[in-house]
Amino acid sequence: MAWLGLVHVHGLLVREIDAALITRHGLSLNGFEVLFHLTRTPGERLAMAELVRLVVLSPSGLSRLLARLERDGLVARHSTPEDARAMAVSLTEAGRAALAAAADTHLQVLRSRFLSHLSAEEVDQLAGLWLRVDPTLAGLGCV
């Protein structure tokens, strides 16, 4: 039952947050995640390989998403100085502004559909459980 509940609640949250972000800001949840992760890195820049890991998209899915974000002026793609064949992504001023505008909507839906049903202690326990399943989450600063 726990596994089924996790899958169901995750799907529900993703659909609702995605719909609210698109409706109010024209930004998908995956786009929001890319912008969020870029703000948390030095120089607001990440290698494509690292972004694939962080947003859990296929390389082709990430490439399509980045093309849209780049077209909208929210990110810029660059070759890396270490390897001209590798690509990196950086946040633009417009991307920073879009993330700031969408952050309240993201948090509002997350609170109303998920966090409001848990105590602060339960949220901390849940974060601890996620870390046990995937210790690399600690490095993301999101649990």
N, C-alpha and C. Protein backbone atom coordinates (compact mmCIF):
# COMPACT_ATOMS: atom_id res chain seq x y z
N MET A 1 0.82 -1.20 0.00
CA MET A 1 0.00 0.00 0.00
C MET A 1 0.86 1.27 0.00
N ALA A 2 1.99 1.25 0.71
CA ALA A 2 2.84 2.45 0.77
C ALA A 2 3.34 2.82 -0.62
N TRP A 3 3.78 1.81 -1.39
CA TRP A 3 4.29 2.08 -2.73
C TRP A 3 3.20 2.67 -3.62
N LEU A 4 2.02 2.08 -3.59
CA LEU A 4 0.92 2.56 -4.40
C LEU A 4 0.53 3.98 -4.01
N GLY A 5 0.52 4.25 -2.71
CA GLY A 5 0.22 5.59 -2.24
C GLY A 5 1.24 6.61 -2.72
N LEU A 6 2.51 6.25 -2.67
CA LEU A 6 3.58 7.13 -3.15
C LEU A 6 3.39 7.46 -4.62
N VAL A 7 3.16 6.43 -5.43
CA VAL A 7 2.99 6.63 -6.87
C VAL A 7 1.77 7.51 -7.14
N HIS A 8 0.67 7.24 -6.45
CA HIS A 8 -0.56 7.98 -6.67
C HIS A 8 -0.40 9.45 -6.27
N VAL A 9 0.11 9.70 -5.07
CA VAL A 9 0.26 11.07 -4.58
C VAL A 9 1.27 11.84 -5.43
N HIS A 10 2.35 11.18 -5.82
CA HIS A 10 3.34 11.83 -6.69
C HIS A 10 2.68 12.27 -8.00
N GLY A 11 1.95 11.37 -8.63
CA GLY A 11 1.27 11.70 -9.89
C GLY A 11 0.30 12.85 -9.73
N LEU A 12 -0.47 12.80 -8.65
CA LEU A 12 -1.44 13.86 -8.37
C LEU A 12 -0.74 15.22 -8.21
N LEU A 13 0.32 15.24 -7.41
CA LEU A 13 1.06 16.49 -7.18
C LEU A 13 1.68 17.02 -8.46
N VAL A 14 2.30 16.14 -9.22
CA VAL A 14 2.94 16.57 -10.47
C VAL A 14 1.90 17.17 -11.41
N ARG A 15 0.77 16.50 -11.58
CA ARG A 15 -0.28 17.02 -12.48
C ARG A 15 -0.79 18.37 -12.01
N GLU A 16 -1.08 18.50 -10.72
CA GLU A 16 -1.65 19.74 -10.21
C GLU A 16 -0.66 20.90 -10.22
N ILE A 17 0.58 20.64 -9.82
CA ILE A 17 1.58 21.71 -9.83
C ILE A 17 1.88 22.11 -11.27
N ASP A 18 2.03 21.14 -12.15
CA ASP A 18 2.30 21.42 -13.56
C ASP A 18 1.18 22.27 -14.17
N ALA A 19 -0.06 21.88 -13.94
CA ALA A 19 -1.20 22.62 -14.50
C ALA A 19 -1.23 24.05 -13.96
N ALA A 20 -1.00 24.23 -12.67
CA ALA A 20 -1.03 25.57 -12.09
C ALA A 20 0.11 26.43 -12.64
N LEU A 21 1.29 25.86 -12.77
CA LEU A 21 2.43 26.62 -13.30
C LEU A 21 2.21 27.01 -14.75
N ILE A 22 1.69 26.09 -15.55
CA ILE A 22 1.44 26.39 -16.97
C ILE A 22 0.36 27.44 -17.10
N THR A 23 -0.73 27.28 -16.36
CA THR A 23 -1.85 28.22 -16.45
C THR A 23 -1.45 29.63 -16.01
N ARG A 24 -0.76 29.72 -14.89
CA ARG A 24 -0.45 31.04 -14.32
C ARG A 24 0.83 31.67 -14.85
N HIS A 25 1.78 30.82 -15.31
CA HIS A 25 3.10 31.36 -15.65
C HIS A 25 3.64 30.89 -17.00
N GLY A 26 2.94 29.97 -17.66
CA GLY A 26 3.44 29.44 -18.93
C GLY A 26 4.71 28.63 -18.78
N LEU A 27 4.92 28.07 -17.60
CA LEU A 27 6.14 27.32 -17.29
C LEU A 27 5.75 25.96 -16.74
N SER A 28 6.29 24.88 -17.35
CA SER A 28 5.98 23.53 -16.86
C SER A 28 6.73 23.25 -15.56
N LEU A 29 6.31 22.21 -14.87
CA LEU A 29 7.00 21.80 -13.65
C LEU A 29 8.44 21.39 -13.96
N ASN A 30 8.66 20.67 -15.06
CA ASN A 30 10.03 20.31 -15.43
C ASN A 30 10.86 21.56 -15.71
N GLY A 31 10.28 22.55 -16.37
CA GLY A 31 10.99 23.80 -16.60
C GLY A 31 11.30 24.50 -15.30
N PHE A 32 10.36 24.51 -14.39
CA PHE A 32 10.56 25.10 -13.07
C PHE A 32 11.73 24.41 -12.37
N GLU A 33 11.77 23.07 -12.44
CA GLU A 33 12.84 22.33 -11.79
C GLU A 33 14.21 22.68 -12.37
N VAL A 34 14.29 22.81 -13.69
CA VAL A 34 15.56 23.18 -14.32
C VAL A 34 16.01 24.54 -13.79
N LEU A 35 15.11 25.52 -13.80
CA LEU A 35 15.46 26.85 -13.32
C LEU A 35 15.85 26.81 -11.85
N PHE A 36 15.11 26.06 -11.05
CA PHE A 36 15.41 25.92 -9.62
C PHE A 36 16.81 25.37 -9.40
N HIS A 37 17.14 24.28 -10.09
CA HIS A 37 18.46 23.67 -9.90
C HIS A 37 19.57 24.61 -10.36
N LEU A 38 19.35 25.36 -11.41
CA LEU A 38 20.37 26.30 -11.88
C LEU A 38 20.64 27.38 -10.83
N THR A 39 19.60 27.83 -10.11
CA THR A 39 19.82 28.87 -9.10
C THR A 39 20.62 28.38 -7.92
N ARG A 40 20.70 27.08 -7.74
CA ARG A 40 21.38 26.51 -6.57
C ARG A 40 22.82 26.10 -6.86
N THR A 41 23.34 26.49 -8.00
CA THR A 41 24.71 26.11 -8.36
C THR A 41 25.57 27.36 -8.51
N PRO A 42 26.86 27.22 -8.26
CA PRO A 42 27.77 28.36 -8.46
C PRO A 42 27.72 28.82 -9.92
N GLY A 43 27.57 30.10 -10.11
CA GLY A 43 27.50 30.65 -11.46
C GLY A 43 26.20 30.35 -12.17
N GLU A 44 25.24 29.74 -11.47
CA GLU A 44 23.94 29.38 -12.04
C GLU A 44 24.11 28.67 -13.37
N ARG A 45 24.99 27.69 -13.39
CA ARG A 45 25.35 26.96 -14.62
C ARG A 45 25.57 25.49 -14.27
N LEU A 46 25.06 24.60 -15.13
CA LEU A 46 25.21 23.15 -14.93
C LEU A 46 25.48 22.46 -16.27
N ALA A 47 26.23 21.38 -16.20
CA ALA A 47 26.43 20.53 -17.37
C ALA A 47 25.12 19.80 -17.67
N MET A 48 24.90 19.53 -18.96
CA MET A 48 23.69 18.81 -19.37
C MET A 48 23.58 17.46 -18.64
N ALA A 49 24.69 16.76 -18.50
CA ALA A 49 24.66 15.44 -17.84
C ALA A 49 24.17 15.57 -16.41
N GLU A 50 24.55 16.63 -15.73
CA GLU A 50 24.10 16.83 -14.35
C GLU A 50 22.61 17.19 -14.32
N LEU A 51 22.16 17.99 -15.27
CA LEU A 51 20.74 18.33 -15.34
C LEU A 51 19.88 17.10 -15.60
N VAL A 52 20.34 16.19 -16.44
CA VAL A 52 19.60 14.95 -16.70
C VAL A 52 19.38 14.20 -15.40
N ARG A 53 20.41 14.14 -14.58
CA ARG A 53 20.30 13.44 -13.29
C ARG A 53 19.36 14.15 -12.34
N LEU A 54 19.41 15.47 -12.32
CA LEU A 54 18.63 16.23 -11.35
C LEU A 54 17.14 16.27 -11.67
N VAL A 55 16.77 16.40 -12.93
CA VAL A 55 15.35 16.52 -13.27
C VAL A 55 14.72 15.21 -13.72
N VAL A 56 15.51 14.15 -13.74
CA VAL A 56 15.03 12.81 -14.05
C VAL A 56 14.26 12.78 -15.38
N LEU A 57 14.90 13.32 -16.40
CA LEU A 57 14.38 13.25 -17.77
C LEU A 57 15.39 12.49 -18.62
N SER A 58 14.93 11.95 -19.71
CA SER A 58 15.86 11.33 -20.65
C SER A 58 16.68 12.45 -21.29
N PRO A 59 17.84 12.13 -21.83
CA PRO A 59 18.62 13.18 -22.51
C PRO A 59 17.84 13.87 -23.62
N SER A 60 17.06 13.11 -24.39
CA SER A 60 16.28 13.75 -25.47
C SER A 60 15.15 14.60 -24.90
N GLY A 61 14.53 14.14 -23.81
CA GLY A 61 13.47 14.93 -23.17
C GLY A 61 14.02 16.23 -22.62
N LEU A 62 15.19 16.16 -22.00
CA LEU A 62 15.82 17.37 -21.48
C LEU A 62 16.20 18.30 -22.62
N SER A 63 16.71 17.75 -23.69
CA SER A 63 17.10 18.57 -24.83
C SER A 63 15.90 19.34 -25.39
N ARG A 64 14.76 18.67 -25.51
CA ARG A 64 13.53 19.34 -26.00
C ARG A 64 13.08 20.43 -25.03
N LEU A 65 13.13 20.12 -23.72
CA LEU A 65 12.75 21.10 -22.71
C LEU A 65 13.67 22.31 -22.77
N LEU A 66 14.98 22.07 -22.86
CA LEU A 66 15.93 23.18 -22.91
C LEU A 66 15.75 24.02 -24.16
N ALA A 67 15.39 23.40 -25.26
CA ALA A 67 15.13 24.16 -26.49
C ALA A 67 13.98 25.14 -26.27
N ARG A 68 12.93 24.69 -25.58
CA ARG A 68 11.79 25.59 -25.28
C ARG A 68 12.21 26.70 -24.32
N LEU A 69 12.95 26.32 -23.25
CA LEU A 69 13.39 27.32 -22.28
C LEU A 69 14.34 28.33 -22.92
N GLU A 70 15.18 27.86 -23.82
CA GLU A 70 16.10 28.75 -24.52
C GLU A 70 15.33 29.67 -25.47
N ARG A 71 14.37 29.12 -26.19
CA ARG A 71 13.53 29.92 -27.09
C ARG A 71 12.81 31.03 -26.32
N ASP A 72 12.40 30.71 -25.08
CA ASP A 72 11.70 31.69 -24.25
C ASP A 72 12.66 32.64 -23.52
N GLY A 73 13.95 32.44 -23.73
CA GLY A 73 14.95 33.33 -23.14
C GLY A 73 15.24 33.07 -21.67
N LEU A 74 14.87 31.89 -21.16
CA LEU A 74 15.02 31.59 -19.74
C LEU A 74 16.36 30.95 -19.40
N VAL A 75 16.96 30.28 -20.38
CA VAL A 75 18.28 29.68 -20.21
C VAL A 75 19.09 29.93 -21.47
N ALA A 76 20.40 29.73 -21.35
CA ALA A 76 21.30 29.78 -22.50
C ALA A 76 22.14 28.51 -22.47
N ARG A 77 22.40 27.94 -23.65
CA ARG A 77 23.25 26.76 -23.74
C ARG A 77 24.62 27.17 -24.27
N HIS A 78 25.65 26.53 -23.74
CA HIS A 78 27.03 26.84 -24.10
C HIS A 78 27.83 25.55 -24.19
N SER A 79 28.89 25.57 -24.98
CA SER A 79 29.86 24.48 -24.91
C SER A 79 30.69 24.73 -23.66
N THR A 80 31.23 23.67 -23.10
CA THR A 80 32.03 23.82 -21.88
C THR A 80 33.49 24.04 -22.24
N PRO A 81 34.22 24.82 -21.45
CA PRO A 81 35.63 25.06 -21.74
C PRO A 81 36.47 23.78 -21.67
N GLU A 82 36.07 22.84 -20.82
CA GLU A 82 36.82 21.60 -20.65
C GLU A 82 36.67 20.67 -21.84
N ASP A 83 35.49 20.68 -22.48
CA ASP A 83 35.21 19.77 -23.58
C ASP A 83 34.23 20.46 -24.52
N ALA A 84 34.70 20.89 -25.67
CA ALA A 84 33.86 21.64 -26.61
C ALA A 84 32.66 20.84 -27.10
N ARG A 85 32.72 19.51 -26.97
CA ARG A 85 31.58 18.68 -27.39
C ARG A 85 30.49 18.64 -26.34
N ALA A 86 30.82 18.90 -25.09
CA ALA A 86 29.85 18.85 -23.99
C ALA A 86 29.12 20.19 -23.90
N MET A 87 27.89 20.13 -23.42
CA MET A 87 27.08 21.34 -23.30
C MET A 87 26.79 21.64 -21.83
N ALA A 88 26.69 22.92 -21.56
CA ALA A 88 26.28 23.40 -20.24
C ALA A 88 25.10 24.34 -20.43
N VAL A 89 24.36 24.54 -19.38
CA VAL A 89 23.18 25.41 -19.41
C VAL A 89 23.32 26.44 -18.31
N SER A 90 23.01 27.68 -18.63
CA SER A 90 23.06 28.73 -17.60
C SER A 90 21.73 29.46 -17.56
N LEU A 91 21.46 30.01 -16.41
CA LEU A 91 20.24 30.76 -16.16
C LEU A 91 20.40 32.19 -16.68
N THR A 92 19.35 32.72 -17.28
CA THR A 92 19.36 34.12 -17.72
C THR A 92 18.60 34.97 -16.70
N GLU A 93 18.68 36.27 -16.85
CA GLU A 93 17.90 37.17 -15.98
C GLU A 93 16.41 36.86 -16.11
N ALA A 94 15.96 36.64 -17.34
CA ALA A 94 14.55 36.31 -17.55
C ALA A 94 14.18 35.00 -16.86
N GLY A 95 15.09 34.03 -16.86
CA GLY A 95 14.85 32.77 -16.18
C GLY A 95 14.74 32.95 -14.68
N ARG A 96 15.61 33.79 -14.14
CA ARG A 96 15.58 34.08 -12.70
C ARG A 96 14.24 34.74 -12.34
N ALA A 97 13.80 35.67 -13.17
CA ALA A 97 12.53 36.37 -12.93
C ALA A 97 11.34 35.40 -13.06
N ALA A 98 11.39 34.52 -14.04
CA ALA A 98 10.30 33.55 -14.22
C ALA A 98 10.20 32.61 -13.03
N LEU A 99 11.34 32.17 -12.54
CA LEU A 99 11.35 31.28 -11.36
C LEU A 99 10.79 32.01 -10.15
N ALA A 100 11.21 33.24 -9.94
CA ALA A 100 10.71 34.02 -8.79
C ALA A 100 9.20 34.20 -8.88
N ALA A 101 8.70 34.47 -10.09
CA ALA A 101 7.25 34.67 -10.26
C ALA A 101 6.47 33.38 -10.01
N ALA A 102 7.05 32.23 -10.40
CA ALA A 102 6.34 30.95 -10.29
C ALA A 102 6.50 30.28 -8.93
N ALA A 103 7.47 30.71 -8.14
CA ALA A 103 7.78 30.02 -6.88
C ALA A 103 6.59 30.01 -5.92
N ASP A 104 5.86 31.11 -5.82
CA ASP A 104 4.71 31.15 -4.91
C ASP A 104 3.63 30.18 -5.34
N THR A 105 3.38 30.08 -6.64
CA THR A 105 2.38 29.14 -7.14
C THR A 105 2.80 27.71 -6.81
N HIS A 106 4.05 27.38 -7.06
CA HIS A 106 4.58 26.05 -6.77
C HIS A 106 4.35 25.71 -5.29
N LEU A 107 4.75 26.61 -4.43
CA LEU A 107 4.63 26.37 -2.99
C LEU A 107 3.17 26.33 -2.54
N GLN A 108 2.35 27.17 -3.11
CA GLN A 108 0.93 27.20 -2.75
C GLN A 108 0.26 25.85 -3.03
N VAL A 109 0.48 25.30 -4.21
CA VAL A 109 -0.13 24.01 -4.56
C VAL A 109 0.48 22.90 -3.70
N LEU A 110 1.79 22.93 -3.53
CA LEU A 110 2.46 21.93 -2.70
C LEU A 110 1.92 21.95 -1.27
N ARG A 111 1.74 23.14 -0.73
CA ARG A 111 1.19 23.24 0.64
C ARG A 111 -0.24 22.74 0.71
N SER A 112 -1.08 23.21 -0.22
CA SER A 112 -2.51 22.87 -0.12
C SER A 112 -2.78 21.39 -0.39
N ARG A 113 -2.03 20.77 -1.30
CA ARG A 113 -2.32 19.39 -1.67
C ARG A 113 -1.48 18.36 -0.93
N PHE A 114 -0.41 18.80 -0.23
CA PHE A 114 0.47 17.83 0.39
C PHE A 114 0.87 18.23 1.80
N LEU A 115 1.62 19.31 1.93
CA LEU A 115 2.19 19.67 3.22
C LEU A 115 1.15 19.97 4.29
N SER A 116 0.00 20.50 3.91
CA SER A 116 -1.03 20.83 4.90
C SER A 116 -1.61 19.59 5.58
N HIS A 117 -1.36 18.42 5.01
CA HIS A 117 -1.87 17.17 5.58
C HIS A 117 -0.88 16.51 6.53
N LEU A 118 0.31 17.12 6.69
CA LEU A 118 1.35 16.54 7.52
C LEU A 118 1.80 17.54 8.57
N SER A 119 2.23 17.03 9.70
CA SER A 119 2.83 17.90 10.72
C SER A 119 4.28 18.19 10.31
N ALA A 120 4.88 19.17 10.95
CA ALA A 120 6.29 19.48 10.69
C ALA A 120 7.17 18.27 10.99
N GLU A 121 6.84 17.54 12.05
CA GLU A 121 7.61 16.35 12.40
C GLU A 121 7.48 15.28 11.32
N GLU A 122 6.29 15.11 10.78
CA GLU A 122 6.09 14.12 9.72
C GLU A 122 6.85 14.49 8.45
N VAL A 123 6.89 15.78 8.14
CA VAL A 123 7.65 16.24 6.98
C VAL A 123 9.13 15.92 7.18
N ASP A 124 9.64 16.18 8.39
CA ASP A 124 11.04 15.86 8.70
C ASP A 124 11.29 14.35 8.60
N GLN A 125 10.35 13.55 9.10
CA GLN A 125 10.49 12.09 9.02
C GLN A 125 10.52 11.64 7.56
N LEU A 126 9.63 12.21 6.76
CA LEU A 126 9.57 11.85 5.35
C LEU A 126 10.88 12.21 4.64
N ALA A 127 11.40 13.39 4.94
CA ALA A 127 12.69 13.80 4.36
C ALA A 127 13.78 12.82 4.75
N GLY A 128 13.77 12.37 5.98
CA GLY A 128 14.75 11.38 6.43
C GLY A 128 14.61 10.06 5.69
N LEU A 129 13.38 9.66 5.43
CA LEU A 129 13.15 8.42 4.68
C LEU A 129 13.66 8.55 3.24
N TRP A 130 13.42 9.68 2.60
CA TRP A 130 13.91 9.89 1.23
C TRP A 130 15.43 9.80 1.21
N LEU A 131 16.08 10.38 2.22
CA LEU A 131 17.54 10.32 2.29
C LEU A 131 18.05 8.89 2.46
N ARG A 132 17.30 8.10 3.18
CA ARG A 132 17.69 6.71 3.36
C ARG A 132 17.61 5.95 2.03
N VAL A 133 16.59 6.26 1.24
CA VAL A 133 16.41 5.61 -0.06
C VAL A 133 17.44 6.12 -1.06
N ASP A 134 17.72 7.44 -1.04
CA ASP A 134 18.68 8.04 -1.98
C ASP A 134 19.51 9.10 -1.27
N PRO A 135 20.66 8.72 -0.72
CA PRO A 135 21.49 9.67 0.02
C PRO A 135 21.98 10.86 -0.82
N THR A 136 21.95 10.74 -2.14
CA THR A 136 22.41 11.86 -2.96
C THR A 136 21.47 13.06 -2.87
N LEU A 137 20.28 12.86 -2.34
CA LEU A 137 19.34 13.98 -2.17
C LEU A 137 19.92 15.03 -1.22
N ALA A 138 20.75 14.63 -0.30
CA ALA A 138 21.35 15.58 0.65
C ALA A 138 22.15 16.64 -0.10
N GLY A 139 22.82 16.26 -1.16
CA GLY A 139 23.60 17.19 -1.95
C GLY A 139 22.77 18.17 -2.74
N LEU A 140 21.49 17.86 -2.92
CA LEU A 140 20.61 18.75 -3.67
C LEU A 140 20.03 19.85 -2.79
N GLY A 141 20.12 19.67 -1.49
CA GLY A 141 19.58 20.68 -0.57
C GLY A 141 18.07 20.78 -0.60
N CYS A 142 17.40 19.71 -1.02
CA CYS A 142 15.94 19.79 -1.12
C CYS A 142 15.21 18.89 -0.14
N VAL A 143 15.94 18.22 0.74
CA VAL A 143 15.27 17.46 1.80
C VAL A 143 15.87 17.85 3.14
